């Protein structure tokens, strides 16, 4: 049984998302906030390509017009639009993921939500995965925290296999990336600390947005992966302080 204190999400601070955990005076950083310290080199070329594609589309549309006058004002508007495009795409993906998580949570809890057409494939992929997984899903969107290491987060689902706990995190991204293993390992180890029981497995499960597919990967070495998360946590905390002076 999980006994969880009141955990309140705190957004908007200088150092990213945190949680206020009942019984503790300090704020606990969120797991995803901590993992933001890890370099993601693929994001730079992705953002560049999205911006360039925005310029290409704008130029193509503009050149099809009968009257096309390119001046400084137009150029600046195109550049400004291109600069904003990566953030727009990221935010839209985040909104899609949030809606997908909500629908999956409602389905697991026995509800029959209205599924928008653009979300139907995600829901179908979830049903396909659940049928093959062999897991009994017990809880959804469960808050976990570590009093020992002072972090917290929202684990997407708790399941059981042969009576043993399994931690799960849903994804609607285009792939399953390395930091996802650290994320679900952090949830699993916080869950162990809270319950005193062993989490036997931790999974990241991705549901395709455009194709009938799902991808599920299990963390190979939970203990070792948690050490990697703690290294990220140590670095994240170190970077919150000034290390040089005049």
Protein backbone atom coordinates (compact mmCIF):
# COMPACT_ATOMS: atom_id res chain seq x y z
CA UNK A 1 0.00 0.00 0.00
CA UNK A 2 1.25 3.48 -0.88
CA UNK A 3 0.92 6.15 1.78
CA UNK A 4 1.54 9.50 0.13
CA UNK A 5 1.74 12.84 1.94
CA UNK A 6 0.23 15.93 0.35
CA UNK A 7 2.47 16.83 -2.61
CA UNK A 8 1.84 20.16 -4.33
CA UNK A 9 3.31 21.12 -7.68
CA UNK A 10 5.16 24.45 -7.79
CA UNK A 11 5.78 25.98 -11.23
CA UNK A 12 7.29 29.20 -12.46
CA UNK A 13 10.37 29.36 -10.29
CA UNK A 14 13.78 30.32 -11.60
CA UNK A 15 15.04 26.76 -11.25
CA UNK A 16 12.12 24.97 -12.91
CA UNK A 17 9.34 22.76 -11.60
CA UNK A 18 9.42 21.66 -7.98
CA UNK A 19 7.12 19.93 -5.51
CA UNK A 20 6.25 20.89 -1.98
CA UNK A 21 6.08 17.69 0.07
CA UNK A 22 4.13 17.69 3.32
CA UNK A 23 6.51 17.43 6.28
CA UNK A 24 9.50 18.98 4.50
CA UNK A 25 10.44 22.66 4.46
CA UNK A 26 12.53 22.56 1.28
CA UNK A 27 11.17 22.19 -2.24
CA UNK A 28 11.92 18.94 -4.06
CA UNK A 29 12.91 19.27 -7.75
CA UNK A 30 10.82 17.28 -10.20
CA UNK A 31 12.42 14.30 -11.91
CA UNK A 32 11.91 15.85 -15.35
CA UNK A 33 13.39 19.14 -14.13
CA UNK A 34 16.49 17.32 -12.92
CA UNK A 35 16.91 15.46 -16.21
CA UNK A 36 16.86 18.77 -18.07
CA UNK A 37 20.51 19.06 -17.05
CA UNK A 38 21.40 16.30 -19.51
CA UNK A 39 22.59 17.59 -22.87
CA UNK A 40 20.33 16.66 -25.78
CA UNK A 41 22.48 17.30 -28.86
CA UNK A 42 19.77 16.19 -31.28
CA UNK A 43 17.58 19.13 -30.21
CA UNK A 44 19.85 21.72 -31.84
CA UNK A 45 19.66 20.34 -35.40
CA UNK A 46 15.97 19.57 -34.86
CA UNK A 47 15.21 23.19 -33.92
CA UNK A 48 17.31 24.44 -36.84
CA UNK A 49 15.49 22.19 -39.31
CA UNK A 50 12.07 23.21 -37.98
CA UNK A 51 12.99 26.90 -38.32
CA UNK A 52 14.35 26.42 -41.86
CA UNK A 53 11.23 24.50 -42.87
CA UNK A 54 9.14 27.41 -41.60
CA UNK A 55 11.13 29.80 -43.81
CA UNK A 56 10.76 27.46 -46.80
CA UNK A 57 6.98 27.22 -46.37
CA UNK A 58 6.62 30.98 -45.99
CA UNK A 59 8.73 31.65 -49.09
CA UNK A 60 6.80 29.08 -51.12
CA UNK A 61 3.47 30.62 -50.14
CA UNK A 62 4.73 34.14 -50.78
CA UNK A 63 6.17 33.37 -54.21
CA UNK A 64 2.82 31.97 -55.33
CA UNK A 65 1.21 35.36 -54.76
CA UNK A 66 0.76 37.68 -57.74
CA UNK A 67 2.31 40.64 -55.96
CA UNK A 68 5.42 39.73 -54.03
CA UNK A 69 7.47 42.53 -52.51
CA UNK A 70 10.31 41.57 -50.21
CA UNK A 71 11.38 44.34 -47.85
CA UNK A 72 13.02 44.54 -44.43
CA UNK A 73 9.67 44.34 -42.64
CA UNK A 74 8.75 41.12 -44.46
CA UNK A 75 12.18 39.56 -43.86
CA UNK A 76 12.02 40.38 -40.15
CA UNK A 77 8.53 38.88 -39.91
CA UNK A 78 9.71 35.66 -41.58
CA UNK A 79 12.70 35.41 -39.25
CA UNK A 80 10.55 36.08 -36.19
CA UNK A 81 8.07 33.39 -37.22
CA UNK A 82 10.90 30.90 -37.82
CA UNK A 83 12.41 31.62 -34.40
CA UNK A 84 9.10 30.86 -32.68
CA UNK A 85 8.31 27.72 -34.69
CA UNK A 86 10.38 25.19 -32.63
CA UNK A 87 8.71 26.32 -29.40
CA UNK A 88 5.30 26.15 -31.07
CA UNK A 89 5.91 22.58 -32.27
CA UNK A 90 7.23 21.57 -28.84
CA UNK A 91 4.22 23.07 -27.06
CA UNK A 92 1.79 21.36 -29.44
CA UNK A 93 3.52 18.03 -28.82
CA UNK A 94 3.28 18.66 -25.07
CA UNK A 95 -0.45 19.38 -25.33
CA UNK A 96 -0.94 16.20 -27.36
CA UNK A 97 0.95 14.17 -24.76
CA UNK A 98 -1.06 15.66 -21.91
CA UNK A 99 -4.34 14.78 -23.62
CA UNK A 100 -3.10 11.25 -24.37
CA UNK A 101 -2.10 10.72 -20.74
CA UNK A 102 -5.52 11.92 -19.57
CA UNK A 103 -7.41 9.60 -21.92
CA UNK A 104 -5.30 6.59 -20.93
CA UNK A 105 -5.82 7.39 -17.25
CA UNK A 106 -9.60 7.62 -17.72
CA UNK A 107 -9.70 4.31 -19.60
CA UNK A 108 -7.67 2.52 -16.93
CA UNK A 109 -10.01 3.90 -14.28
CA UNK A 110 -12.99 2.33 -16.03
CA UNK A 111 -14.34 5.42 -17.77
CA UNK A 112 -15.44 5.64 -21.40
CA UNK A 113 -14.17 9.05 -22.53
CA UNK A 114 -15.00 10.69 -25.83
CA UNK A 115 -11.89 10.18 -27.93
CA UNK A 116 -11.09 12.91 -30.49
CA UNK A 117 -10.26 11.54 -33.96
CA UNK A 118 -6.62 12.61 -33.73
CA UNK A 119 -6.23 10.68 -30.46
CA UNK A 120 -7.91 7.45 -31.56
CA UNK A 121 -4.72 5.83 -32.82
CA UNK A 122 -2.97 6.48 -29.50
CA UNK A 123 -5.86 4.88 -27.62
CA UNK A 124 -5.84 1.89 -30.00
CA UNK A 125 -2.10 1.52 -29.49
CA UNK A 126 -2.60 1.58 -25.72
CA UNK A 127 -5.17 -1.23 -25.91
CA UNK A 128 -2.82 -3.29 -28.10
CA UNK A 129 0.05 -2.82 -25.65
CA UNK A 130 -2.08 -3.63 -22.60
CA UNK A 131 -3.28 -6.85 -24.22
CA UNK A 132 0.30 -7.99 -24.84
CA UNK A 133 1.93 -6.68 -21.66
CA UNK A 134 0.56 -9.25 -19.21
CA UNK A 135 0.44 -6.54 -16.55
CA UNK A 136 -2.33 -5.70 -14.11
CA UNK A 137 -2.46 -1.90 -13.91
CA UNK A 138 -3.35 -0.80 -10.39
CA UNK A 139 -2.88 2.98 -10.15
CA UNK A 140 -2.49 5.88 -12.54
CA UNK A 141 -0.74 9.27 -12.15
CA UNK A 142 0.80 8.43 -8.78
CA UNK A 143 2.90 11.02 -6.96
CA UNK A 144 6.15 9.62 -5.61
CA UNK A 145 9.02 11.21 -3.72
CA UNK A 146 12.32 10.33 -2.11
CA UNK A 147 12.91 11.68 1.37
CA UNK A 148 16.48 10.40 1.17
CA UNK A 149 17.47 12.08 -2.09
CA UNK A 150 14.96 14.95 -2.01
CA UNK A 151 13.21 14.69 -5.38
CA UNK A 152 9.62 14.01 -6.47
CA UNK A 153 7.57 13.33 -9.56
CA UNK A 154 4.40 11.96 -11.12
CA UNK A 155 4.69 8.30 -12.13
CA UNK A 156 2.22 7.51 -14.91
CA UNK A 157 1.17 4.06 -13.73
CA UNK A 158 1.79 1.37 -11.15
CA UNK A 159 1.23 -2.20 -12.31
CA UNK A 160 1.79 -5.69 -10.97
CA UNK A 161 3.24 -8.82 -12.49
CA UNK A 162 2.91 -11.96 -10.38
CA UNK A 163 2.27 -9.80 -7.32
CA UNK A 164 5.39 -7.66 -7.78
CA UNK A 165 5.37 -3.93 -8.48
CA UNK A 166 6.13 -2.52 -11.92
CA UNK A 167 6.71 1.21 -12.61
CA UNK A 168 5.50 2.58 -15.95
CA UNK A 169 5.92 5.86 -17.81
CA UNK A 170 3.90 6.64 -20.98
CA UNK A 171 5.41 8.50 -23.92
CA UNK A 172 4.02 9.94 -27.16
CA UNK A 173 7.40 11.14 -28.45
CA UNK A 174 8.93 10.02 -31.73
CA UNK A 175 11.28 7.63 -29.96
CA UNK A 176 12.36 6.21 -26.61
CA UNK A 177 15.44 8.13 -25.49
CA UNK A 178 18.10 7.26 -22.93
CA UNK A 179 16.99 9.73 -20.29
CA UNK A 180 13.60 8.00 -20.12
CA UNK A 181 15.31 5.07 -18.41
CA UNK A 182 16.69 7.42 -15.75
CA UNK A 183 13.24 8.98 -15.32
CA UNK A 184 11.31 5.76 -14.70
CA UNK A 185 14.17 4.38 -12.56
CA UNK A 186 13.87 7.45 -10.33
CA UNK A 187 10.14 6.82 -9.95
CA UNK A 188 10.73 3.14 -9.22
CA UNK A 189 13.30 3.81 -6.51
CA UNK A 190 11.14 6.49 -4.89
CA UNK A 191 8.28 3.98 -4.89
CA UNK A 192 10.51 1.40 -3.20
CA UNK A 193 11.48 3.92 -0.54
CA UNK A 194 7.85 4.84 0.11
CA UNK A 195 6.52 1.28 0.31
CA UNK A 196 9.45 -0.77 1.54
CA UNK A 197 8.76 -3.19 -1.32
CA UNK A 198 10.93 -4.05 -4.31
CA UNK A 199 9.96 -2.73 -7.74
CA UNK A 200 10.79 -5.65 -10.01
CA UNK A 201 10.49 -3.86 -13.36
CA UNK A 202 10.42 -0.35 -14.80
CA UNK A 203 9.14 0.35 -18.32
CA UNK A 204 8.93 3.27 -20.73
CA UNK A 205 6.08 2.70 -23.19
CA UNK A 206 5.63 4.82 -26.32
CA UNK A 207 2.38 5.02 -28.27
CA UNK A 208 2.66 6.10 -31.91
CA UNK A 209 0.78 9.23 -32.96
CA UNK A 210 0.44 8.46 -36.65
CA UNK A 211 0.88 4.71 -37.03
CA UNK A 212 -0.65 1.64 -35.38
CA UNK A 213 2.37 0.93 -33.22
CA UNK A 214 3.66 0.87 -29.69
CA UNK A 215 7.17 0.53 -28.36
CA UNK A 216 7.96 -0.76 -24.88
CA UNK A 217 11.41 -0.94 -23.30
CA UNK A 218 12.34 -2.25 -19.86
CA UNK A 219 15.15 -0.74 -17.81
CA UNK A 220 17.91 -3.34 -17.90
CA UNK A 221 19.62 -2.48 -14.61
CA UNK A 222 17.41 -0.51 -12.23
CA UNK A 223 20.09 -0.04 -9.57
CA UNK A 224 22.74 1.07 -12.04
CA UNK A 225 20.35 3.36 -13.89
CA UNK A 226 19.31 4.96 -10.61
CA UNK A 227 22.97 5.72 -9.91
CA UNK A 228 23.02 7.57 -13.24
CA UNK A 229 19.92 9.53 -12.21
CA UNK A 230 21.56 10.47 -8.91
CA UNK A 231 24.59 11.71 -10.84
CA UNK A 232 22.26 13.98 -12.83
CA UNK A 233 20.62 15.08 -9.57
CA UNK A 234 24.03 15.90 -8.07
CA UNK A 235 25.01 17.91 -11.15
CA UNK A 236 21.64 19.68 -11.23
CA UNK A 237 22.04 20.76 -7.60
CA UNK A 238 25.63 21.84 -8.19
CA UNK A 239 24.56 24.06 -11.08
CA UNK A 240 22.09 25.94 -8.88
CA UNK A 241 25.03 27.64 -7.15
CA UNK A 242 27.74 30.04 -8.23
CA UNK A 243 31.15 28.36 -8.44
CA UNK A 244 33.35 31.31 -9.43
CA UNK A 245 34.04 34.75 -8.10
CA UNK A 246 36.05 37.79 -9.09
